[in-house]
Amino acid sequence: APWRLPEFYQRFPGRRELMDYAKKHGIPVPVTPQTP
């Protein structure tokens, strides 16, 4: 359960960090900061 593992949720405290991670790794995602 990643969202209960400190090494995951401390690295990704919010959806903005997830979006940054997706951008860094070239992961296309359907959400934007305007529609999160």
Full PDB file with SEQRES, HELIX, SHEET, SSBOND, CRYST1, ORIGX, SCALE, CONECT and MASTER records, all heavy atoms in Angstrom:
SEQRES   1 A   36  ALA PRO TRP ARG LEU PRO GLU PHE TYR GLN ARG PHE PRO          
SEQRES   2 A   36  GLY ARG ARG GLU LEU MET ASP TYR ALA LYS LYS HIS GLY          
SEQRES   3 A   36  ILE PRO VAL PRO VAL THR PRO GLN THR PRO                      
HELIX    1 AA1 PRO A    2  ARG A    4  5                                   3    
HELIX    2 AA2 PRO A    6  TYR A    9  1                                   4    
HELIX    3 AA3 ARG A   15  LYS A   24  1                                  10    
CRYST1    1.000    1.000    1.000  90.00  90.00  90.00 P 1           1          
ORIGX1      1.000000  0.000000  0.000000        0.00000                         
ORIGX2      0.000000  1.000000  0.000000        0.00000                         
ORIGX3      0.000000  0.000000  1.000000        0.00000                         
SCALE1      1.000000  0.000000  0.000000        0.00000                         
SCALE2      0.000000  1.000000  0.000000        0.00000                         
SCALE3      0.000000  0.000000  1.000000        0.00000                         
ATOM      1  N   ALA A   1       0.853  -1.190   0.000  1.00  0.00           N  
ATOM      2  CA  ALA A   1       0.000   0.000   0.000  1.00  0.00           C  
ATOM      3  C   ALA A   1       0.890   1.240   0.000  1.00  0.00           C  
ATOM      4  O   ALA A   1       1.270   1.738   1.062  1.00  0.00           O  
ATOM      5  CB  ALA A   1      -0.923  -0.008   1.212  1.00  0.00           C  
ATOM      6  N   PRO A   2       1.265   1.753  -1.178  1.00  0.00           N  
ATOM      7  CA  PRO A   2       2.221   2.863  -1.242  1.00  0.00           C  
ATOM      8  C   PRO A   2       1.843   4.073  -0.382  1.00  0.00           C  
ATOM      9  O   PRO A   2       2.706   4.673   0.254  1.00  0.00           O  
ATOM     10  CB  PRO A   2       2.234   3.224  -2.735  1.00  0.00           C  
ATOM     11  CG  PRO A   2       1.872   1.958  -3.427  1.00  0.00           C  
ATOM     12  CD  PRO A   2       0.880   1.298  -2.529  1.00  0.00           C  
ATOM     13  N   TRP A   3       0.543   4.417  -0.368  1.00  0.00           N  
ATOM     14  CA  TRP A   3       0.142   5.621   0.367  1.00  0.00           C  
ATOM     15  C   TRP A   3       0.226   5.456   1.874  1.00  0.00           C  
ATOM     16  O   TRP A   3      -0.014   6.408   2.620  1.00  0.00           O  
ATOM     17  CB  TRP A   3      -1.273   6.042  -0.035  1.00  0.00           C  
ATOM     18  CG  TRP A   3      -1.318   6.717  -1.375  1.00  0.00           C  
ATOM     19  CD1 TRP A   3      -1.908   6.250  -2.514  1.00  0.00           C  
ATOM     20  CD2 TRP A   3      -0.751   7.989  -1.718  1.00  0.00           C  
ATOM     21  NE1 TRP A   3      -1.731   7.144  -3.537  1.00  0.00           N  
ATOM     22  CE2 TRP A   3      -1.036   8.224  -3.089  1.00  0.00           C  
ATOM     23  CE3 TRP A   3      -0.032   8.960  -1.003  1.00  0.00           C  
ATOM     24  CZ2 TRP A   3      -0.626   9.379  -3.754  1.00  0.00           C  
ATOM     25  CZ3 TRP A   3       0.364  10.107  -1.664  1.00  0.00           C  
ATOM     26  CH2 TRP A   3       0.076  10.306  -3.025  1.00  0.00           C  
ATOM     27  N   ARG A   4       0.584   4.248   2.361  1.00  0.00           N  
ATOM     28  CA  ARG A   4       0.831   4.057   3.792  1.00  0.00           C  
ATOM     29  C   ARG A   4       2.316   3.854   4.088  1.00  0.00           C  
ATOM     30  O   ARG A   4       2.688   3.636   5.249  1.00  0.00           O  
ATOM     31  CB  ARG A   4       0.025   2.872   4.333  1.00  0.00           C  
ATOM     32  CG  ARG A   4      -1.487   3.079   4.298  1.00  0.00           C  
ATOM     33  CD  ARG A   4      -2.206   2.206   5.325  1.00  0.00           C  
ATOM     34  NE  ARG A   4      -1.880   0.805   5.186  1.00  0.00           N  
ATOM     35  CZ  ARG A   4      -2.544  -0.048   4.413  1.00  0.00           C  
ATOM     36  NH1 ARG A   4      -3.565   0.362   3.684  1.00  0.00           N  
ATOM     37  NH2 ARG A   4      -2.199  -1.318   4.357  1.00  0.00           N  
ATOM     38  N   LEU A   5       3.146   3.900   3.066  1.00  0.00           N  
ATOM     39  CA  LEU A   5       4.585   3.709   3.255  1.00  0.00           C  
ATOM     40  C   LEU A   5       5.274   5.066   3.356  1.00  0.00           C  
ATOM     41  O   LEU A   5       5.150   5.893   2.451  1.00  0.00           O  
ATOM     42  CB  LEU A   5       5.176   2.922   2.078  1.00  0.00           C  
ATOM     43  CG  LEU A   5       4.640   1.500   1.875  1.00  0.00           C  
ATOM     44  CD1 LEU A   5       5.202   0.903   0.595  1.00  0.00           C  
ATOM     45  CD2 LEU A   5       4.984   0.626   3.079  1.00  0.00           C  
ATOM     46  N   PRO A   6       6.015   5.322   4.445  1.00  0.00           N  
ATOM     47  CA  PRO A   6       6.667   6.634   4.619  1.00  0.00           C  
ATOM     48  C   PRO A   6       7.540   7.027   3.434  1.00  0.00           C  
ATOM     49  O   PRO A   6       7.567   8.190   3.044  1.00  0.00           O  
ATOM     50  CB  PRO A   6       7.496   6.450   5.892  1.00  0.00           C  
ATOM     51  CG  PRO A   6       6.811   5.355   6.634  1.00  0.00           C  
ATOM     52  CD  PRO A   6       6.257   4.436   5.596  1.00  0.00           C  
ATOM     53  N   GLU A   7       8.242   6.055   2.832  1.00  0.00           N  
ATOM     54  CA  GLU A   7       9.135   6.390   1.721  1.00  0.00           C  
ATOM     55  C   GLU A   7       8.350   6.873   0.501  1.00  0.00           C  
ATOM     56  O   GLU A   7       8.909   7.533  -0.377  1.00  0.00           O  
ATOM     57  CB  GLU A   7      10.020   5.193   1.344  1.00  0.00           C  
ATOM     58  CG  GLU A   7       9.288   3.922   0.940  1.00  0.00           C  
ATOM     59  CD  GLU A   7       9.027   2.976   2.103  1.00  0.00           C  
ATOM     60  OE1 GLU A   7       8.815   3.454   3.226  1.00  0.00           O  
ATOM     61  OE2 GLU A   7       9.040   1.747   1.869  1.00  0.00           O  
ATOM     62  N   PHE A   8       7.053   6.556   0.457  1.00  0.00           N  
ATOM     63  CA  PHE A   8       6.219   7.042  -0.652  1.00  0.00           C  
ATOM     64  C   PHE A   8       5.516   8.347  -0.287  1.00  0.00           C  
ATOM     65  O   PHE A   8       5.637   9.350  -0.985  1.00  0.00           O  
ATOM     66  CB  PHE A   8       5.185   5.981  -1.049  1.00  0.00           C  
ATOM     67  CG  PHE A   8       4.393   6.341  -2.283  1.00  0.00           C  
ATOM     68  CD1 PHE A   8       4.869   6.041  -3.540  1.00  0.00           C  
ATOM     69  CD2 PHE A   8       3.168   6.993  -2.183  1.00  0.00           C  
ATOM     70  CE1 PHE A   8       4.154   6.366  -4.686  1.00  0.00           C  
ATOM     71  CE2 PHE A   8       2.437   7.325  -3.314  1.00  0.00           C  
ATOM     72  CZ  PHE A   8       2.936   7.012  -4.570  1.00  0.00           C  
ATOM     73  N   TYR A   9       4.780   8.350   0.837  1.00  0.00           N  
ATOM     74  CA  TYR A   9       3.975   9.545   1.117  1.00  0.00           C  
ATOM     75  C   TYR A   9       4.810  10.740   1.555  1.00  0.00           C  
ATOM     76  O   TYR A   9       4.367  11.887   1.420  1.00  0.00           O  
ATOM     77  CB  TYR A   9       2.842   9.250   2.113  1.00  0.00           C  
ATOM     78  CG  TYR A   9       3.226   8.899   3.526  1.00  0.00           C  
ATOM     79  CD1 TYR A   9       3.755   9.846   4.399  1.00  0.00           C  
ATOM     80  CD2 TYR A   9       3.002   7.615   4.016  1.00  0.00           C  
ATOM     81  CE1 TYR A   9       4.081   9.516   5.700  1.00  0.00           C  
ATOM     82  CE2 TYR A   9       3.317   7.277   5.323  1.00  0.00           C  
ATOM     83  CZ  TYR A   9       3.848   8.236   6.163  1.00  0.00           C  
ATOM     84  OH  TYR A   9       4.165   7.908   7.464  1.00  0.00           O  
ATOM     85  N   GLN A  10       6.018  10.504   2.053  1.00  0.00           N  
ATOM     86  CA  GLN A  10       6.885  11.648   2.355  1.00  0.00           C  
ATOM     87  C   GLN A  10       7.472  12.239   1.072  1.00  0.00           C  
ATOM     88  O   GLN A  10       7.738  13.441   1.002  1.00  0.00           O  
ATOM     89  CB  GLN A  10       7.993  11.220   3.313  1.00  0.00           C  
ATOM     90  CG  GLN A  10       7.499  10.958   4.728  1.00  0.00           C  
ATOM     91  CD  GLN A  10       8.557  10.386   5.642  1.00  0.00           C  
ATOM     92  OE1 GLN A  10       9.714  10.220   5.252  1.00  0.00           O  
ATOM     93  NE2 GLN A  10       8.181  10.063   6.870  1.00  0.00           N  
ATOM     94  N   ARG A  11       7.642  11.391   0.075  1.00  0.00           N  
ATOM     95  CA  ARG A  11       8.144  11.859  -1.216  1.00  0.00           C  
ATOM     96  C   ARG A  11       7.035  12.546  -2.022  1.00  0.00           C  
ATOM     97  O   ARG A  11       7.291  13.465  -2.788  1.00  0.00           O  
ATOM     98  CB  ARG A  11       8.693  10.664  -2.003  1.00  0.00           C  
ATOM     99  CG  ARG A  11       9.354  11.033  -3.327  1.00  0.00           C  
ATOM    100  CD  ARG A  11       9.977   9.790  -3.941  1.00  0.00           C  
ATOM    101  NE  ARG A  11      10.574  10.061  -5.241  1.00  0.00           N  
ATOM    102  CZ  ARG A  11      11.135   9.121  -6.009  1.00  0.00           C  
ATOM    103  NH1 ARG A  11      11.185   7.871  -5.573  1.00  0.00           N  
ATOM    104  NH2 ARG A  11      11.649   9.434  -7.179  1.00  0.00           N  
ATOM    105  N   PHE A  12       5.804  12.094  -1.805  1.00  0.00           N  
ATOM    106  CA  PHE A  12       4.662  12.648  -2.540  1.00  0.00           C  
ATOM    107  C   PHE A  12       3.580  13.118  -1.568  1.00  0.00           C  
ATOM    108  O   PHE A  12       2.543  12.462  -1.416  1.00  0.00           O  
ATOM    109  CB  PHE A  12       4.078  11.598  -3.492  1.00  0.00           C  
ATOM    110  CG  PHE A  12       5.077  11.000  -4.439  1.00  0.00           C  
ATOM    111  CD1 PHE A  12       5.508   9.697  -4.270  1.00  0.00           C  
ATOM    112  CD2 PHE A  12       5.589  11.744  -5.482  1.00  0.00           C  
ATOM    113  CE1 PHE A  12       6.431   9.128  -5.137  1.00  0.00           C  
ATOM    114  CE2 PHE A  12       6.522  11.185  -6.366  1.00  0.00           C  
ATOM    115  CZ  PHE A  12       6.945   9.881  -6.190  1.00  0.00           C  
ATOM    116  N   PRO A  13       3.811  14.244  -0.903  1.00  0.00           N  
ATOM    117  CA  PRO A  13       2.820  14.725   0.073  1.00  0.00           C  
ATOM    118  C   PRO A  13       1.535  15.236  -0.559  1.00  0.00           C  
ATOM    119  O   PRO A  13       0.533  15.420   0.129  1.00  0.00           O  
ATOM    120  CB  PRO A  13       3.553  15.850   0.805  1.00  0.00           C  
ATOM    121  CG  PRO A  13       4.621  16.299  -0.137  1.00  0.00           C  
ATOM    122  CD  PRO A  13       5.020  15.090  -0.918  1.00  0.00           C  
ATOM    123  N   GLY A  14       1.532  15.463  -1.866  1.00  0.00           N  
ATOM    124  CA  GLY A  14       0.327  15.962  -2.524  1.00  0.00           C  
ATOM    125  C   GLY A  14       0.335  15.649  -4.005  1.00  0.00           C  
ATOM    126  O   GLY A  14       1.303  15.110  -4.558  1.00  0.00           O  
ATOM    127  N   ARG A  15      -0.758  16.007  -4.684  1.00  0.00           N  
ATOM    128  CA  ARG A  15      -0.885  15.696  -6.107  1.00  0.00           C  
ATOM    129  C   ARG A  15       0.079  16.522  -6.958  1.00  0.00           C  
ATOM    130  O   ARG A  15       0.479  16.104  -8.042  1.00  0.00           O  
ATOM    131  CB  ARG A  15      -2.332  15.901  -6.559  1.00  0.00           C  
ATOM    132  CG  ARG A  15      -3.266  14.872  -5.956  1.00  0.00           C  
ATOM    133  CD  ARG A  15      -4.706  15.076  -6.355  1.00  0.00           C  
ATOM    134  NE  ARG A  15      -5.005  14.636  -7.705  1.00  0.00           N  
ATOM    135  CZ  ARG A  15      -5.173  13.369  -8.069  1.00  0.00           C  
ATOM    136  NH1 ARG A  15      -5.034  12.399  -7.186  1.00  0.00           N  
ATOM    137  NH2 ARG A  15      -5.478  13.063  -9.311  1.00  0.00           N  
ATOM    138  N   ARG A  16       0.464  17.690  -6.468  1.00  0.00           N  
ATOM    139  CA  ARG A  16       1.415  18.498  -7.234  1.00  0.00           C  
ATOM    140  C   ARG A  16       2.752  17.763  -7.360  1.00  0.00           C  
ATOM    141  O   ARG A  16       3.384  17.776  -8.427  1.00  0.00           O  
ATOM    142  CB  ARG A  16       1.621  19.861  -6.565  1.00  0.00           C  
ATOM    143  CG  ARG A  16       2.547  20.778  -7.355  1.00  0.00           C  
ATOM    144  CD  ARG A  16       2.499  22.187  -6.817  1.00  0.00           C  
ATOM    145  NE  ARG A  16       1.202  22.808  -7.021  1.00  0.00           N  
ATOM    146  CZ  ARG A  16       0.826  23.370  -8.169  1.00  0.00           C  
ATOM    147  NH1 ARG A  16       1.646  23.383  -9.210  1.00  0.00           N  
ATOM    148  NH2 ARG A  16      -0.353  23.925  -8.280  1.00  0.00           N  
ATOM    149  N   GLU A  17       3.188  17.120  -6.265  1.00  0.00           N  
ATOM    150  CA  GLU A  17       4.443  16.363  -6.323  1.00  0.00           C  
ATOM    151  C   GLU A  17       4.317  15.166  -7.277  1.00  0.00           C  
ATOM    152  O   GLU A  17       5.267  14.806  -7.980  1.00  0.00           O  
ATOM    153  CB  GLU A  17       4.831  15.887  -4.923  1.00  0.00           C  
ATOM    154  CG  GLU A  17       5.351  16.991  -4.003  1.00  0.00           C  
ATOM    155  CD  GLU A  17       4.239  17.852  -3.408  1.00  0.00           C  
ATOM    156  OE1 GLU A  17       3.048  17.459  -3.512  1.00  0.00           O  
ATOM    157  OE2 GLU A  17       4.551  18.907  -2.833  1.00  0.00           O  
ATOM    158  N   LEU A  18       3.129  14.555  -7.289  1.00  0.00           N  
ATOM    159  CA  LEU A  18       2.900  13.460  -8.239  1.00  0.00           C  
ATOM    160  C   LEU A  18       2.982  13.965  -9.673  1.00  0.00           C  
ATOM    161  O   LEU A  18       3.565  13.311 -10.544  1.00  0.00           O  
ATOM    162  CB  LEU A  18       1.535  12.825  -7.990  1.00  0.00           C  
ATOM    163  CG  LEU A  18       1.409  11.814  -6.850  1.00  0.00           C  
ATOM    164  CD1 LEU A  18      -0.050  11.401  -6.688  1.00  0.00           C  
ATOM    165  CD2 LEU A  18       2.277  10.591  -7.072  1.00  0.00           C  
ATOM    166  N   MET A  19       2.392  15.132  -9.925  1.00  0.00           N  
ATOM    167  CA  MET A  19       2.428  15.696 -11.272  1.00  0.00           C  
ATOM    168  C   MET A  19       3.852  16.045 -11.689  1.00  0.00           C  
ATOM    169  O   MET A  19       4.240  15.849 -12.845  1.00  0.00           O  
ATOM    170  CB  MET A  19       1.505  16.907 -11.356  1.00  0.00           C  
ATOM    171  CG  MET A  19       0.023  16.538 -11.411  1.00  0.00           C  
ATOM    172  SD  MET A  19      -1.060  17.968 -11.656  1.00  0.00           S  
ATOM    173  CE  MET A  19      -1.519  18.332  -9.980  1.00  0.00           C  
ATOM    174  N   ASP A  20       4.658  16.539 -10.728  1.00  0.00           N  
ATOM    175  CA  ASP A  20       6.067  16.829 -11.022  1.00  0.00           C  
ATOM    176  C   ASP A  20       6.821  15.545 -11.354  1.00  0.00           C  
ATOM    177  O   ASP A  20       7.647  15.510 -12.277  1.00  0.00           O  
ATOM    178  CB  ASP A  20       6.723  17.533  -9.829  1.00  0.00           C  
ATOM    179  CG  ASP A  20       6.199  18.949  -9.613  1.00  0.00           C  
ATOM    180  OD1 ASP A  20       5.601  19.505 -10.566  1.00  0.00           O  
ATOM    181  OD2 ASP A  20       6.371  19.481  -8.506  1.00  0.00           O  
ATOM    182  N   TYR A  21       6.540  14.480 -10.595  1.00  0.00           N  
ATOM    183  CA  TYR A  21       7.174  13.181 -10.823  1.00  0.00           C  
ATOM    184  C   TYR A  21       6.780  12.644 -12.202  1.00  0.00           C  
ATOM    185  O   TYR A  21       7.625  12.108 -12.945  1.00  0.00           O  
ATOM    186  CB  TYR A  21       6.731  12.221  -9.722  1.00  0.00           C  
ATOM    187  CG  TYR A  21       7.310  10.827  -9.801  1.00  0.00           C  
ATOM    188  CD1 TYR A  21       8.596  10.552  -9.330  1.00  0.00           C  
ATOM    189  CD2 TYR A  21       6.557   9.760 -10.295  1.00  0.00           C  
ATOM    190  CE1 TYR A  21       9.108   9.261  -9.380  1.00  0.00           C  
ATOM    191  CE2 TYR A  21       7.063   8.478 -10.340  1.00  0.00           C  
ATOM    192  CZ  TYR A  21       8.340   8.230  -9.875  1.00  0.00           C  
ATOM    193  OH  TYR A  21       8.845   6.953  -9.918  1.00  0.00           O  
ATOM    194  N   ALA A  22       5.488  12.792 -12.545  1.00  0.00           N  
ATOM    195  CA  ALA A  22       5.017  12.332 -13.845  1.00  0.00           C  
ATOM    196  C   ALA A  22       5.716  13.084 -14.973  1.00  0.00           C  
ATOM    197  O   ALA A  22       6.125  12.494 -15.977  1.00  0.00           O  
ATOM    198  CB  ALA A  22       3.500  12.508 -13.939  1.00  0.00           C  
ATOM    199  N   LYS A  23       5.857  14.384 -14.806  1.00  0.00           N  
ATOM    200  CA  LYS A  23       6.524  15.188 -15.835  1.00  0.00           C  
ATOM    201  C   LYS A  23       7.980  14.774 -15.986  1.00  0.00           C  
ATOM    202  O   LYS A  23       8.496  14.631 -17.097  1.00  0.00           O  
ATOM    203  CB  LYS A  23       6.428  16.667 -15.462  1.00  0.00           C  
ATOM    204  CG  LYS A  23       6.976  17.612 -16.524  1.00  0.00           C  
ATOM    205  CD  LYS A  23       6.758  19.070 -16.124  1.00  0.00           C  
ATOM    206  CE  LYS A  23       7.297  20.009 -17.191  1.00  0.00           C  
ATOM    207  NZ  LYS A  23       7.098  21.440 -16.798  1.00  0.00           N  
ATOM    208  N   LYS A  24       8.650  14.535 -14.867  1.00  0.00           N  
ATOM    209  CA  LYS A  24      10.059  14.154 -14.878  1.00  0.00           C  
ATOM    210  C   LYS A  24      10.265  12.816 -15.584  1.00  0.00           C  
ATOM    211  O   LYS A  24      11.262  12.610 -16.288  1.00  0.00           O  
ATOM    212  CB  LYS A  24      10.578  14.084 -13.436  1.00  0.00           C  
ATOM    213  CG  LYS A  24      12.025  13.633 -13.319  1.00  0.00           C  
ATOM    214  CD  LYS A  24      12.439  13.546 -11.855  1.00  0.00           C  
ATOM    215  CE  LYS A  24      13.855  12.994 -11.721  1.00  0.00           C  
ATOM    216  NZ  LYS A  24      14.246  12.841 -10.289  1.00  0.00           N  
ATOM    217  N   HIS A  25       9.316  11.884 -15.398  1.00  0.00           N  
ATOM    218  CA  HIS A  25       9.471  10.543 -15.955  1.00  0.00           C  
ATOM    219  C   HIS A  25       8.698  10.354 -17.259  1.00  0.00           C  
ATOM    220  O   HIS A  25       8.578   9.221 -17.748  1.00  0.00           O  
ATOM    221  CB  HIS A  25       9.019   9.494 -14.928  1.00  0.00           C  
ATOM    222  CG  HIS A  25       9.955   9.354 -13.761  1.00  0.00           C  
ATOM    223  ND1 HIS A  25       9.924  10.197 -12.673  1.00  0.00           N  
ATOM    224  CD2 HIS A  25      10.975   8.487 -13.534  1.00  0.00           C  
ATOM    225  CE1 HIS A  25      10.866   9.854 -11.817  1.00  0.00           C  
ATOM    226  NE2 HIS A  25      11.524   8.828 -12.322  1.00  0.00           N  
ATOM    227  N   GLY A  26       8.183  11.444 -17.812  1.00  0.00           N  
ATOM    228  CA  GLY A  26       7.479  11.344 -19.084  1.00  0.00           C  
ATOM    229  C   GLY A  26       6.197  10.545 -19.016  1.00  0.00           C  
ATOM    230  O   GLY A  26       5.843   9.833 -19.964  1.00  0.00           O  
ATOM    231  N   ILE A  27       5.490  10.645 -17.887  1.00  0.00           N  
ATOM    232  CA  ILE A  27       4.236   9.909 -17.702  1.00  0.00           C  
ATOM    233  C   ILE A  27       3.072  10.801 -18.128  1.00  0.00           C  
ATOM    234  O   ILE A  27       2.800  11.814 -17.472  1.00  0.00           O  
ATOM    235  CB  ILE A  27       4.048   9.486 -16.231  1.00  0.00           C  
ATOM    236  CG1 ILE A  27       5.229   8.635 -15.744  1.00  0.00           C  
ATOM    237  CG2 ILE A  27       2.736   8.724 -16.053  1.00  0.00           C  
ATOM    238  CD1 ILE A  27       5.232   8.387 -14.244  1.00  0.00           C  
ATOM    239  N   PRO A  28       2.368  10.473 -19.213  1.00  0.00           N  
ATOM    240  CA  PRO A  28       1.204  11.285 -19.598  1.00  0.00           C  
ATOM    241  C   PRO A  28       0.056  11.053 -18.628  1.00  0.00           C  
ATOM    242  O   PRO A  28      -0.293   9.910 -18.322  1.00  0.00           O  
ATOM    243  CB  PRO A  28       0.859  10.764 -20.998  1.00  0.00           C  
ATOM    244  CG  PRO A  28       1.431   9.389 -21.060  1.00  0.00           C  
ATOM    245  CD  PRO A  28       2.619   9.354 -20.137  1.00  0.00           C  
ATOM    246  N   VAL A  29      -0.523  12.124 -18.116  1.00  0.00           N  
ATOM    247  CA  VAL A  29      -1.613  12.008 -17.145  1.00  0.00           C  
ATOM    248  C   VAL A  29      -2.750  12.946 -17.534  1.00  0.00           C  
ATOM    249  O   VAL A  29      -2.522  13.981 -18.159  1.00  0.00           O  
ATOM    250  CB  VAL A  29      -1.136  12.322 -15.705  1.00  0.00           C  
ATOM    251  CG1 VAL A  29      -0.195  11.253 -15.202  1.00  0.00           C  
ATOM    252  CG2 VAL A  29      -0.470  13.686 -15.641  1.00  0.00           C  
ATOM    253  N   PRO A  30      -3.984  12.590 -17.150  1.00  0.00           N  
ATOM    254  CA  PRO A  30      -5.145  13.381 -17.571  1.00  0.00           C  
ATOM    255  C   PRO A  30      -5.471  14.555 -16.664  1.00  0.00           C  
ATOM    256  O   PRO A  30      -6.467  15.221 -16.865  1.00  0.00           O  
ATOM    257  CB  PRO A  30      -6.277  12.345 -17.524  1.00  0.00           C  
ATOM    258  CG  PRO A  30      -5.879  11.421 -16.430  1.00  0.00           C  
ATOM    259  CD  PRO A  30      -4.368  11.349 -16.480  1.00  0.00           C  
ATOM    260  N   VAL A  31      -4.653  14.798 -15.627  1.00  0.00           N  
ATOM    261  CA  VAL A  31      -4.948  15.899 -14.715  1.00  0.00           C  
ATOM    262  C   VAL A  31      -3.909  16.999 -14.882  1.00  0.00           C  
ATOM    263  O   VAL A  31      -2.797  16.770 -15.336  1.00  0.00           O  
ATOM    264  CB  VAL A  31      -4.973  15.431 -13.240  1.00  0.00           C  
ATOM    265  CG1 VAL A  31      -6.037  14.387 -13.039  1.00  0.00           C  
ATOM    266  CG2 VAL A  31      -3.617  14.913 -12.802  1.00  0.00           C  
ATOM    267  N   THR A  32      -4.298  18.210 -14.498  1.00  0.00           N  
ATOM    268  CA  THR A  32      -3.408  19.365 -14.534  1.00  0.00           C  
ATOM    269  C   THR A  32      -3.573  20.103 -13.225  1.00  0.00           C  
ATOM    270  O   THR A  32      -4.519  19.844 -12.462  1.00  0.00           O  
ATOM    271  CB  THR A  32      -3.785  20.314 -15.681  1.00  0.00           C  
ATOM    272  OG1 THR A  32      -5.084  20.874 -15.399  1.00  0.00           O  
ATOM    273  CG2 THR A  32      -3.829  19.587 -17.015  1.00  0.00           C  
ATOM    274  N   PRO A  33      -2.675  21.049 -12.896  1.00  0.00           N  
ATOM    275  CA  PRO A  33      -2.875  21.831 -11.672  1.00  0.00           C  
ATOM    276  C   PRO A  33      -4.212  22.567 -11.645  1.00  0.00           C  
ATOM    277  O   PRO A  33      -4.736  22.864 -10.582  1.00  0.00           O  
ATOM    278  CB  PRO A  33      -1.697  22.821 -11.698  1.00  0.00           C  
ATOM    279  CG  PRO A  33      -0.635  22.112 -12.485  1.00  0.00           C  
ATOM    280  CD  PRO A  33      -1.375  21.345 -13.532  1.00  0.00           C  
ATOM    281  N   GLN A  34      -4.781  22.839 -12.839  1.00  0.00           N  
ATOM    282  CA  GLN A  34      -6.069  23.533 -12.885  1.00  0.00           C  
ATOM    283  C   GLN A  34      -7.242  22.567 -12.664  1.00  0.00           C  
ATOM    284  O   GLN A  34      -8.306  22.973 -12.207  1.00  0.00           O  
ATOM    285  CB  GLN A  34      -6.241  24.243 -14.238  1.00  0.00           C  
ATOM    286  CG  GLN A  34      -5.335  25.454 -14.437  1.00  0.00           C  
ATOM    287  CD  GLN A  34      -3.885  25.054 -14.691  1.00  0.00           C  
ATOM    288  OE1 GLN A  34      -3.628  24.073 -15.391  1.00  0.00           O  
ATOM    289  NE2 GLN A  34      -2.948  25.786 -14.117  1.00  0.00           N  
ATOM    290  N   THR A  35      -7.066  21.308 -13.022  1.00  0.00           N  
ATOM    291  CA  THR A  35      -8.121  20.303 -12.828  1.00  0.00           C  
ATOM    292  C   THR A  35      -7.523  19.083 -12.122  1.00  0.00           C  
ATOM    293  O   THR A  35      -7.351  18.021 -12.732  1.00  0.00           O  
ATOM    294  CB  THR A  35      -8.729  19.879 -14.185  1.00  0.00           C  
ATOM    295  OG1 THR A  35      -7.670  19.387 -15.029  1.00  0.00           O  
ATOM    296  CG2 THR A  35      -9.398  21.049 -14.876  1.00  0.00           C  
ATOM    297  N   PRO A  36      -7.202  19.220 -10.835  1.00  0.00           N  
ATOM    298  CA  PRO A  36      -6.449  18.166 -10.155  1.00  0.00           C  
ATOM    299  C   PRO A  36      -7.307  17.056  -9.552  1.00  0.00           C  
ATOM    300  O   PRO A  36      -6.790  16.216  -8.833  1.00  0.00           O  
ATOM    301  CB  PRO A  36      -5.752  18.947  -9.032  1.00  0.00           C  
ATOM    302  CG  PRO A  36      -6.735  20.009  -8.673  1.00  0.00           C  
ATOM    303  CD  PRO A  36      -7.418  20.382  -9.963  1.00  0.00           C  
TER     304      PRO A  36                                                      
MASTER        0    0    0    3    0    0    0    6  303    1    0    3          
END                                                                             
